[in-house]
Amino acid sequence: MRRILLAFRVFFLVLFKAAIATQVAKLLAKAKPAEEGAAVPSAPLPKPPAAKPPARSEALTLLAAMQREARFLDFMQESLEGYSDAQVGAAVRDVHRDCAALLKRLFAICPAVPQEEGAEVEVPAGFDPGRWRLTGNVTGEPPFHGRLVHPGWEATICELPTWAGTAASAKIIAPAEVELS
């Protein structure tokens, strides 16, 4: 629409003002192709920005995967008061197996240190506090020597599913299911 208005405006200015008509003629001469029928080179059009997917927390993406593949939320939201220990144990087996498989596939989790619990270990000087948590009588300077209480966990990969939903469903962990008859 702006170009149409501009064209009308230039048309009338060229029609009634000789000085502007001369300037437009010079501009058109410069823009004229070198040969008759030659294509006028045009500036490359800017690429439109890539569509940005709606924001969704990776924590919700993980929770959604745990629900989809292991019914984790269904189990956690269920009151266990009316069930026997045997019934709870049977349900836990399935949820445990399926959650473990999901975590293995998405994160390839392994111990953060190779030693077994109870083993004597040395925490080196300059240790990373993200890898080592010291408890008990922590005094002096590293290296520290102690008994391994827990080896920790480390993700060797992190391959969360890519979420491609809408902004309206960004916080939906599991959609409502409706069976049609």
N, C-alpha and C. Protein backbone atom coordinates (compact mmCIF):
# COMPACT_ATOMS: atom_id res chain seq x y z
N MET A 1 0.82 -1.18 0.00
CA MET A 1 0.00 0.00 0.00
C MET A 1 0.87 1.26 0.00
N ARG A 2 1.98 1.20 0.76
CA ARG A 2 2.86 2.37 0.81
C ARG A 2 3.47 2.65 -0.56
N ARG A 3 3.78 1.59 -1.29
CA ARG A 3 4.40 1.77 -2.61
C ARG A 3 3.41 2.38 -3.59
N ILE A 4 2.17 2.01 -3.48
CA ILE A 4 1.16 2.59 -4.38
C ILE A 4 1.02 4.08 -4.11
N LEU A 5 0.94 4.43 -2.84
CA LEU A 5 0.84 5.85 -2.49
C LEU A 5 2.08 6.61 -2.95
N LEU A 6 3.25 6.00 -2.79
CA LEU A 6 4.48 6.64 -3.23
C LEU A 6 4.46 6.83 -4.75
N ALA A 7 4.00 5.82 -5.48
CA ALA A 7 3.94 5.93 -6.95
C ALA A 7 3.03 7.06 -7.40
N PHE A 8 1.86 7.21 -6.76
CA PHE A 8 0.96 8.31 -7.10
C PHE A 8 1.61 9.65 -6.79
N ARG A 9 2.25 9.72 -5.66
CA ARG A 9 2.88 10.98 -5.26
C ARG A 9 3.98 11.36 -6.24
N VAL A 10 4.85 10.39 -6.60
CA VAL A 10 5.93 10.66 -7.55
C VAL A 10 5.34 11.03 -8.91
N PHE A 11 4.30 10.35 -9.32
CA PHE A 11 3.65 10.64 -10.61
C PHE A 11 3.25 12.11 -10.69
N PHE A 12 2.56 12.61 -9.66
CA PHE A 12 2.09 13.99 -9.70
C PHE A 12 3.23 14.99 -9.53
N LEU A 13 4.23 14.64 -8.72
CA LEU A 13 5.37 15.54 -8.59
C LEU A 13 6.12 15.66 -9.91
N VAL A 14 6.33 14.55 -10.62
CA VAL A 14 7.01 14.56 -11.91
C VAL A 14 6.16 15.33 -12.93
N LEU A 15 4.85 15.17 -12.88
CA LEU A 15 3.95 15.83 -13.82
C LEU A 15 3.96 17.34 -13.66
N PHE A 16 4.05 17.83 -12.42
CA PHE A 16 3.90 19.28 -12.20
C PHE A 16 5.19 20.00 -11.80
N LYS A 17 6.28 19.30 -11.49
CA LYS A 17 7.51 19.97 -11.07
C LYS A 17 8.66 19.48 -11.93
N ALA A 18 9.17 20.39 -12.77
CA ALA A 18 10.21 20.06 -13.74
C ALA A 18 11.50 19.62 -13.05
N ALA A 19 11.88 20.24 -11.95
CA ALA A 19 13.13 19.90 -11.27
C ALA A 19 13.08 18.46 -10.76
N ILE A 20 11.97 18.09 -10.20
CA ILE A 20 11.82 16.71 -9.68
C ILE A 20 11.80 15.73 -10.85
N ALA A 21 11.17 16.10 -11.96
CA ALA A 21 11.12 15.23 -13.14
C ALA A 21 12.53 14.96 -13.65
N THR A 22 13.41 15.98 -13.61
CA THR A 22 14.80 15.81 -14.05
C THR A 22 15.54 14.85 -13.12
N GLN A 23 15.34 15.01 -11.82
CA GLN A 23 16.01 14.13 -10.85
C GLN A 23 15.55 12.69 -11.01
N VAL A 24 14.25 12.47 -11.21
CA VAL A 24 13.72 11.12 -11.38
C VAL A 24 14.27 10.51 -12.66
N ALA A 25 14.38 11.30 -13.72
CA ALA A 25 14.92 10.80 -14.99
C ALA A 25 16.36 10.35 -14.81
N LYS A 26 17.16 11.12 -14.04
CA LYS A 26 18.55 10.73 -13.79
C LYS A 26 18.61 9.42 -12.99
N LEU A 27 17.76 9.32 -11.98
CA LEU A 27 17.71 8.08 -11.18
C LEU A 27 17.32 6.88 -12.03
N LEU A 28 16.35 7.08 -12.90
CA LEU A 28 15.92 5.97 -13.76
C LEU A 28 17.00 5.59 -14.76
N ALA A 29 17.77 6.55 -15.23
CA ALA A 29 18.86 6.26 -16.17
C ALA A 29 19.93 5.42 -15.48
N LYS A 30 20.22 5.72 -14.23
CA LYS A 30 21.21 4.94 -13.48
C LYS A 30 20.70 3.53 -13.21
N ALA A 31 19.41 3.38 -13.02
CA ALA A 31 18.84 2.08 -12.70
C ALA A 31 18.55 1.26 -13.93
N LYS A 32 18.69 1.84 -15.14
CA LYS A 32 18.38 1.15 -16.39
C LYS A 32 19.36 0.01 -16.60
N PRO A 33 18.90 -1.17 -17.03
CA PRO A 33 19.80 -2.30 -17.30
C PRO A 33 20.79 -1.94 -18.39
N ALA A 34 21.98 -2.53 -18.34
CA ALA A 34 23.03 -2.24 -19.31
C ALA A 34 22.58 -2.63 -20.71
N GLU A 35 21.91 -3.74 -20.86
CA GLU A 35 21.43 -4.18 -22.18
C GLU A 35 19.92 -4.29 -22.14
N GLU A 36 19.32 -4.14 -23.28
CA GLU A 36 17.87 -4.28 -23.37
C GLU A 36 17.50 -5.72 -23.05
N GLY A 37 16.55 -5.92 -22.15
CA GLY A 37 16.10 -7.26 -21.78
C GLY A 37 16.92 -7.89 -20.67
N ALA A 38 18.00 -7.24 -20.24
CA ALA A 38 18.80 -7.79 -19.15
C ALA A 38 18.06 -7.62 -17.83
N ALA A 39 18.22 -8.57 -16.99
CA ALA A 39 17.54 -8.52 -15.69
C ALA A 39 18.20 -7.49 -14.80
N VAL A 40 17.39 -6.76 -14.10
CA VAL A 40 17.90 -5.78 -13.15
C VAL A 40 18.30 -6.52 -11.89
N PRO A 41 19.59 -6.37 -11.48
CA PRO A 41 19.98 -7.05 -10.25
C PRO A 41 19.24 -6.44 -9.07
N SER A 42 18.75 -7.30 -8.23
CA SER A 42 18.03 -6.79 -7.06
C SER A 42 18.79 -7.20 -5.81
N ALA A 43 18.61 -6.42 -4.79
CA ALA A 43 19.24 -6.74 -3.51
C ALA A 43 18.60 -8.01 -2.96
N PRO A 44 19.40 -8.89 -2.36
CA PRO A 44 18.80 -10.11 -1.80
C PRO A 44 17.81 -9.76 -0.69
N LEU A 45 16.70 -10.45 -0.73
CA LEU A 45 15.68 -10.22 0.29
C LEU A 45 16.16 -10.79 1.61
N PRO A 46 15.94 -10.06 2.68
CA PRO A 46 16.36 -10.61 3.98
C PRO A 46 15.53 -11.84 4.32
N LYS A 47 16.21 -12.81 4.92
CA LYS A 47 15.51 -14.03 5.31
C LYS A 47 14.60 -13.73 6.48
N PRO A 48 13.39 -14.26 6.44
CA PRO A 48 12.53 -14.04 7.61
C PRO A 48 13.12 -14.77 8.81
N PRO A 49 12.97 -14.22 9.99
CA PRO A 49 13.54 -14.90 11.17
C PRO A 49 12.88 -16.26 11.35
N ALA A 50 13.70 -17.22 11.77
CA ALA A 50 13.18 -18.57 12.00
C ALA A 50 12.11 -18.52 13.08
N ALA A 51 11.07 -19.26 12.86
CA ALA A 51 9.99 -19.30 13.84
C ALA A 51 10.53 -19.86 15.15
N LYS A 52 10.34 -19.13 16.19
CA LYS A 52 10.83 -19.54 17.50
C LYS A 52 9.78 -20.42 18.16
N PRO A 53 10.16 -21.64 18.55
CA PRO A 53 9.16 -22.49 19.19
C PRO A 53 8.72 -21.90 20.52
N PRO A 54 7.50 -22.17 20.91
CA PRO A 54 7.05 -21.66 22.22
C PRO A 54 7.94 -22.20 23.33
N ALA A 55 8.13 -21.39 24.33
CA ALA A 55 8.99 -21.78 25.45
C ALA A 55 8.32 -22.85 26.30
N ARG A 56 9.09 -23.83 26.71
CA ARG A 56 8.62 -24.86 27.63
C ARG A 56 9.79 -25.29 28.48
N SER A 57 9.55 -25.46 29.74
CA SER A 57 10.58 -25.89 30.66
C SER A 57 11.04 -27.30 30.32
N GLU A 58 12.35 -27.52 30.34
CA GLU A 58 12.88 -28.87 30.11
C GLU A 58 12.44 -29.81 31.23
N ALA A 59 12.20 -29.26 32.42
CA ALA A 59 11.71 -30.09 33.53
C ALA A 59 10.33 -30.65 33.18
N LEU A 60 9.48 -29.85 32.57
CA LEU A 60 8.16 -30.34 32.17
C LEU A 60 8.27 -31.36 31.04
N THR A 61 9.22 -31.16 30.14
CA THR A 61 9.43 -32.12 29.06
C THR A 61 9.84 -33.47 29.64
N LEU A 62 10.74 -33.46 30.63
CA LEU A 62 11.15 -34.71 31.28
C LEU A 62 9.99 -35.34 32.03
N LEU A 63 9.25 -34.54 32.76
CA LEU A 63 8.09 -35.05 33.50
C LEU A 63 7.06 -35.66 32.54
N ALA A 64 6.84 -35.01 31.42
CA ALA A 64 5.91 -35.53 30.42
C ALA A 64 6.39 -36.88 29.87
N ALA A 65 7.69 -37.00 29.63
CA ALA A 65 8.24 -38.28 29.14
C ALA A 65 8.08 -39.37 30.19
N MET A 66 8.30 -39.02 31.46
CA MET A 66 8.15 -40.02 32.54
C MET A 66 6.68 -40.45 32.66
N GLN A 67 5.77 -39.53 32.47
CA GLN A 67 4.34 -39.89 32.51
C GLN A 67 3.97 -40.75 31.31
N ARG A 68 4.40 -40.33 30.12
CA ARG A 68 4.05 -41.04 28.90
C ARG A 68 4.58 -42.47 28.90
N GLU A 69 5.82 -42.66 29.35
CA GLU A 69 6.45 -43.97 29.24
C GLU A 69 6.36 -44.82 30.50
N ALA A 70 6.11 -44.21 31.67
CA ALA A 70 6.09 -45.00 32.90
C ALA A 70 4.88 -44.71 33.79
N ARG A 71 3.99 -43.84 33.35
CA ARG A 71 2.81 -43.46 34.15
C ARG A 71 3.24 -42.97 35.53
N PHE A 72 4.37 -42.26 35.58
CA PHE A 72 4.97 -41.81 36.83
C PHE A 72 4.01 -40.92 37.63
N LEU A 73 3.43 -39.93 37.01
CA LEU A 73 2.53 -39.03 37.74
C LEU A 73 1.27 -39.74 38.21
N ASP A 74 0.76 -40.65 37.39
CA ASP A 74 -0.42 -41.40 37.81
C ASP A 74 -0.12 -42.13 39.12
N PHE A 75 1.06 -42.74 39.19
CA PHE A 75 1.45 -43.46 40.40
C PHE A 75 1.64 -42.50 41.57
N MET A 76 2.35 -41.39 41.33
CA MET A 76 2.65 -40.46 42.43
C MET A 76 1.40 -39.73 42.93
N GLN A 77 0.43 -39.51 42.08
CA GLN A 77 -0.78 -38.78 42.47
C GLN A 77 -1.82 -39.71 43.13
N GLU A 78 -1.62 -41.00 43.00
CA GLU A 78 -2.57 -41.97 43.56
C GLU A 78 -2.34 -42.11 45.06
N SER A 79 -3.42 -42.10 45.82
CA SER A 79 -3.31 -42.36 47.26
C SER A 79 -3.10 -43.86 47.44
N LEU A 80 -2.14 -44.22 48.25
CA LEU A 80 -1.82 -45.64 48.47
C LEU A 80 -2.49 -46.19 49.72
N GLU A 81 -3.28 -45.39 50.38
CA GLU A 81 -3.91 -45.79 51.64
C GLU A 81 -4.72 -47.07 51.55
N GLY A 82 -5.48 -47.27 50.51
CA GLY A 82 -6.37 -48.42 50.42
C GLY A 82 -5.75 -49.67 49.83
N TYR A 83 -4.45 -49.63 49.52
CA TYR A 83 -3.81 -50.76 48.86
C TYR A 83 -2.92 -51.53 49.83
N SER A 84 -2.79 -52.82 49.59
CA SER A 84 -1.88 -53.64 50.40
C SER A 84 -0.44 -53.40 49.94
N ASP A 85 0.50 -53.81 50.77
CA ASP A 85 1.91 -53.66 50.41
C ASP A 85 2.23 -54.44 49.13
N ALA A 86 1.60 -55.59 48.96
CA ALA A 86 1.83 -56.40 47.76
C ALA A 86 1.34 -55.67 46.52
N GLN A 87 0.18 -55.01 46.61
CA GLN A 87 -0.35 -54.26 45.47
C GLN A 87 0.54 -53.06 45.13
N VAL A 88 1.00 -52.37 46.16
CA VAL A 88 1.89 -51.22 45.94
C VAL A 88 3.20 -51.72 45.31
N GLY A 89 3.73 -52.80 45.84
CA GLY A 89 4.98 -53.36 45.31
C GLY A 89 4.86 -53.74 43.84
N ALA A 90 3.73 -54.33 43.46
CA ALA A 90 3.53 -54.71 42.06
C ALA A 90 3.49 -53.48 41.17
N ALA A 91 2.82 -52.42 41.61
CA ALA A 91 2.74 -51.19 40.82
C ALA A 91 4.11 -50.52 40.72
N VAL A 92 4.85 -50.54 41.84
CA VAL A 92 6.16 -49.90 41.86
C VAL A 92 7.11 -50.58 40.88
N ARG A 93 7.02 -51.90 40.76
CA ARG A 93 7.89 -52.63 39.83
C ARG A 93 7.79 -52.08 38.42
N ASP A 94 6.55 -51.91 37.94
CA ASP A 94 6.35 -51.42 36.58
C ASP A 94 6.85 -49.98 36.42
N VAL A 95 6.49 -49.12 37.36
CA VAL A 95 6.92 -47.72 37.27
C VAL A 95 8.44 -47.63 37.37
N HIS A 96 9.04 -48.40 38.28
CA HIS A 96 10.49 -48.40 38.45
C HIS A 96 11.19 -48.87 37.17
N ARG A 97 10.74 -49.97 36.61
CA ARG A 97 11.36 -50.51 35.39
C ARG A 97 11.28 -49.50 34.24
N ASP A 98 10.09 -48.94 34.04
CA ASP A 98 9.90 -48.04 32.90
C ASP A 98 10.63 -46.70 33.10
N CYS A 99 10.65 -46.16 34.32
CA CYS A 99 11.40 -44.93 34.59
C CYS A 99 12.89 -45.16 34.42
N ALA A 100 13.39 -46.30 34.90
CA ALA A 100 14.82 -46.61 34.76
C ALA A 100 15.21 -46.69 33.29
N ALA A 101 14.37 -47.32 32.47
CA ALA A 101 14.66 -47.43 31.04
C ALA A 101 14.67 -46.05 30.39
N LEU A 102 13.73 -45.20 30.77
CA LEU A 102 13.67 -43.85 30.22
C LEU A 102 14.92 -43.06 30.60
N LEU A 103 15.31 -43.09 31.87
CA LEU A 103 16.49 -42.36 32.32
C LEU A 103 17.76 -42.87 31.64
N LYS A 104 17.83 -44.16 31.45
CA LYS A 104 18.99 -44.75 30.77
C LYS A 104 19.06 -44.25 29.32
N ARG A 105 17.92 -44.22 28.65
CA ARG A 105 17.89 -43.79 27.25
C ARG A 105 18.18 -42.29 27.10
N LEU A 106 17.60 -41.46 27.96
CA LEU A 106 17.75 -40.01 27.82
C LEU A 106 19.05 -39.47 28.40
N PHE A 107 19.58 -40.12 29.45
CA PHE A 107 20.73 -39.57 30.16
C PHE A 107 21.93 -40.50 30.29
N ALA A 108 21.78 -41.78 30.03
CA ALA A 108 22.87 -42.77 30.20
C ALA A 108 23.57 -42.53 31.53
N ILE A 109 22.81 -42.62 32.61
CA ILE A 109 23.32 -42.31 33.95
C ILE A 109 24.29 -43.38 34.42
N CYS A 110 25.39 -42.93 35.02
CA CYS A 110 26.37 -43.84 35.60
C CYS A 110 26.91 -43.20 36.88
N PRO A 111 27.60 -43.98 37.73
CA PRO A 111 28.16 -43.39 38.96
C PRO A 111 29.15 -42.26 38.62
N ALA A 112 29.15 -41.22 39.47
CA ALA A 112 30.06 -40.08 39.25
C ALA A 112 31.50 -40.44 39.55
N VAL A 113 31.72 -41.41 40.45
CA VAL A 113 33.07 -41.92 40.72
C VAL A 113 32.99 -43.45 40.64
N PRO A 114 34.06 -44.11 40.22
CA PRO A 114 33.99 -45.55 39.97
C PRO A 114 34.02 -46.44 41.22
N GLN A 115 34.43 -45.94 42.37
CA GLN A 115 34.57 -46.78 43.55
C GLN A 115 33.19 -47.17 44.11
N GLU A 116 33.17 -48.29 44.84
CA GLU A 116 31.95 -48.78 45.48
C GLU A 116 31.72 -48.05 46.80
N GLU A 117 30.48 -48.02 47.23
CA GLU A 117 30.16 -47.44 48.54
C GLU A 117 30.96 -48.18 49.62
N GLY A 118 31.49 -47.43 50.57
CA GLY A 118 32.29 -48.01 51.65
C GLY A 118 33.77 -48.04 51.36
N ALA A 119 34.16 -47.84 50.10
CA ALA A 119 35.59 -47.87 49.74
C ALA A 119 36.30 -46.62 50.26
N GLU A 120 37.61 -46.75 50.55
CA GLU A 120 38.43 -45.61 50.93
C GLU A 120 38.77 -44.84 49.66
N VAL A 121 38.55 -43.53 49.68
CA VAL A 121 38.82 -42.70 48.50
C VAL A 121 39.64 -41.48 48.89
N GLU A 122 40.31 -40.93 47.90
CA GLU A 122 41.05 -39.68 48.08
C GLU A 122 40.37 -38.60 47.26
N VAL A 123 40.03 -37.49 47.91
CA VAL A 123 39.47 -36.33 47.22
C VAL A 123 40.65 -35.41 46.95
N PRO A 124 40.97 -35.19 45.67
CA PRO A 124 42.21 -34.47 45.33
C PRO A 124 42.16 -32.99 45.65
N ALA A 125 43.33 -32.38 45.71
CA ALA A 125 43.43 -30.93 45.87
C ALA A 125 42.80 -30.30 44.62
N GLY A 126 42.13 -29.18 44.80
CA GLY A 126 41.48 -28.51 43.67
C GLY A 126 40.26 -29.26 43.18
N PHE A 127 39.66 -30.09 44.04
CA PHE A 127 38.49 -30.89 43.64
C PHE A 127 37.31 -29.99 43.26
N ASP A 128 36.45 -30.53 42.43
CA ASP A 128 35.24 -29.83 41.98
C ASP A 128 34.14 -30.09 43.00
N PRO A 129 33.63 -29.06 43.70
CA PRO A 129 32.58 -29.29 44.68
C PRO A 129 31.26 -29.74 44.05
N GLY A 130 31.15 -29.63 42.74
CA GLY A 130 29.98 -30.18 42.07
C GLY A 130 30.04 -31.70 41.95
N ARG A 131 31.25 -32.27 42.03
CA ARG A 131 31.44 -33.72 41.94
C ARG A 131 31.60 -34.35 43.32
N TRP A 132 32.14 -33.62 44.27
CA TRP A 132 32.42 -34.16 45.59
C TRP A 132 31.70 -33.34 46.65
N ARG A 133 31.00 -33.98 47.58
CA ARG A 133 30.41 -33.30 48.74
C ARG A 133 31.05 -33.92 49.97
N LEU A 134 31.72 -33.09 50.73
CA LEU A 134 32.42 -33.56 51.92
C LEU A 134 31.52 -33.41 53.14
N THR A 135 31.43 -34.45 53.95
CA THR A 135 30.65 -34.41 55.19
C THR A 135 31.54 -34.90 56.32
N GLY A 136 31.06 -34.73 57.51
CA GLY A 136 31.84 -35.19 58.67
C GLY A 136 32.81 -34.13 59.13
N ASN A 137 34.00 -34.55 59.56
CA ASN A 137 35.01 -33.67 60.12
C ASN A 137 35.87 -33.11 58.99
N VAL A 138 35.41 -32.02 58.38
CA VAL A 138 36.12 -31.43 57.24
C VAL A 138 37.05 -30.34 57.78
N THR A 139 38.34 -30.68 57.92
CA THR A 139 39.34 -29.72 58.39
C THR A 139 40.62 -29.93 57.60
N GLY A 140 41.45 -28.93 57.59
CA GLY A 140 42.73 -29.06 56.91
C GLY A 140 42.62 -28.77 55.43
N GLU A 141 43.68 -29.13 54.74
CA GLU A 141 43.81 -28.87 53.32
C GLU A 141 43.73 -30.18 52.53
N PRO A 142 43.18 -30.14 51.31
CA PRO A 142 43.15 -31.36 50.48
C PRO A 142 44.57 -31.75 50.08
N PRO A 143 44.79 -32.98 49.70
CA PRO A 143 43.80 -34.02 49.46
C PRO A 143 43.22 -34.54 50.77
N PHE A 144 41.92 -34.91 50.66
CA PHE A 144 41.21 -35.47 51.81
C PHE A 144 41.07 -36.97 51.60
N HIS A 145 41.06 -37.72 52.71
CA HIS A 145 40.89 -39.17 52.65
C HIS A 145 39.67 -39.52 53.49
N GLY A 146 38.81 -40.38 52.95
CA GLY A 146 37.62 -40.78 53.70
C GLY A 146 36.94 -41.98 53.08
N ARG A 147 35.79 -42.33 53.65
CA ARG A 147 35.01 -43.48 53.20
C ARG A 147 33.89 -42.97 52.28
N LEU A 148 33.74 -43.59 51.12
CA LEU A 148 32.72 -43.19 50.15
C LEU A 148 31.35 -43.62 50.66
N VAL A 149 30.49 -42.65 50.93
CA VAL A 149 29.14 -42.94 51.41
C VAL A 149 28.20 -43.17 50.22
N HIS A 150 28.39 -42.41 49.14
CA HIS A 150 27.58 -42.57 47.92
C HIS A 150 28.42 -42.13 46.73
N PRO A 151 28.42 -42.90 45.64
CA PRO A 151 29.27 -42.56 44.49
C PRO A 151 28.75 -41.40 43.65
N GLY A 152 27.52 -40.92 43.90
CA GLY A 152 26.94 -39.86 43.08
C GLY A 152 26.47 -40.40 41.73
N TRP A 153 25.86 -39.55 40.96
CA TRP A 153 25.37 -39.93 39.64
C TRP A 153 25.79 -38.90 38.61
N GLU A 154 26.06 -39.36 37.42
CA GLU A 154 26.46 -38.48 36.33
C GLU A 154 25.71 -38.87 35.06
N ALA A 155 25.20 -37.87 34.36
CA ALA A 155 24.57 -38.11 33.05
C ALA A 155 25.66 -38.01 32.00
N THR A 156 25.82 -39.07 31.21
CA THR A 156 26.85 -39.03 30.17
C THR A 156 26.31 -38.45 28.87
N ILE A 157 24.98 -38.37 28.75
CA ILE A 157 24.33 -37.69 27.63
C ILE A 157 23.11 -36.95 28.19
N CYS A 158 22.53 -36.09 27.40
CA CYS A 158 21.28 -35.42 27.77
C CYS A 158 20.50 -35.21 26.48
N GLU A 159 19.57 -36.12 26.21
CA GLU A 159 18.81 -36.07 24.97
C GLU A 159 17.32 -36.04 25.25
N LEU A 160 16.86 -34.89 25.75
CA LEU A 160 15.44 -34.73 26.01
C LEU A 160 14.69 -34.64 24.69
N PRO A 161 13.46 -35.14 24.66
CA PRO A 161 12.67 -35.00 23.44
C PRO A 161 12.45 -33.53 23.12
N THR A 162 12.36 -33.23 21.84
CA THR A 162 12.06 -31.86 21.42
C THR A 162 10.56 -31.66 21.49
N TRP A 163 10.17 -30.61 22.16
CA TRP A 163 8.75 -30.32 22.31
C TRP A 163 8.34 -29.38 21.20
N ALA A 164 7.24 -29.69 20.54
CA ALA A 164 6.78 -28.88 19.42
C ALA A 164 5.33 -28.46 19.58
N GLY A 165 4.87 -28.35 20.80
CA GLY A 165 3.48 -27.97 21.04
C GLY A 165 3.27 -26.48 20.92
N THR A 166 2.07 -26.07 21.26
CA THR A 166 1.70 -24.66 21.19
C THR A 166 1.99 -23.97 22.51
N ALA A 167 1.97 -22.65 22.49
CA ALA A 167 2.18 -21.88 23.73
C ALA A 167 1.07 -22.20 24.74
N ALA A 168 -0.12 -22.45 24.24
CA ALA A 168 -1.25 -22.74 25.13
C ALA A 168 -1.07 -24.06 25.87
N SER A 169 -0.33 -25.00 25.28
CA SER A 169 -0.16 -26.30 25.92
C SER A 169 1.24 -26.48 26.52
N ALA A 170 1.96 -25.39 26.69
CA ALA A 170 3.35 -25.47 27.19
C ALA A 170 3.44 -26.07 28.58
N LYS A 171 2.41 -25.94 29.39
CA LYS A 171 2.47 -26.48 30.75
C LYS A 171 1.67 -27.77 30.91
N ILE A 172 1.16 -28.31 29.83
CA ILE A 172 0.45 -29.59 29.88
C ILE A 172 1.49 -30.70 29.93
N ILE A 173 1.39 -31.54 30.95
CA ILE A 173 2.34 -32.65 31.10
C ILE A 173 1.82 -33.88 30.36
N ALA A 174 0.53 -34.12 30.47
CA ALA A 174 -0.11 -35.23 29.76
C ALA A 174 -1.49 -34.73 29.33
N PRO A 175 -1.84 -34.89 28.07
CA PRO A 175 -3.15 -34.43 27.63
C PRO A 175 -4.26 -35.32 28.19
N ALA A 176 -5.43 -34.76 28.28
CA ALA A 176 -6.59 -35.55 28.69
C ALA A 176 -6.88 -36.57 27.58
N GLU A 177 -7.19 -37.78 27.97
CA GLU A 177 -7.49 -38.83 27.00
C GLU A 177 -9.00 -39.06 26.98
N VAL A 178 -9.55 -39.12 25.78
CA VAL A 178 -10.98 -39.35 25.61
C VAL A 178 -11.15 -40.50 24.63
N GLU A 179 -11.83 -41.53 25.06
CA GLU A 179 -12.11 -42.67 24.18
C GLU A 179 -13.47 -42.44 23.55
N LEU A 180 -13.50 -42.45 22.25
CA LEU A 180 -14.75 -42.22 21.52
C LEU A 180 -15.40 -43.56 21.20
N SER A 181 -16.70 -43.57 21.26
CA SER A 181 -17.40 -44.84 20.96
C SER A 181 -18.14 -44.75 19.65
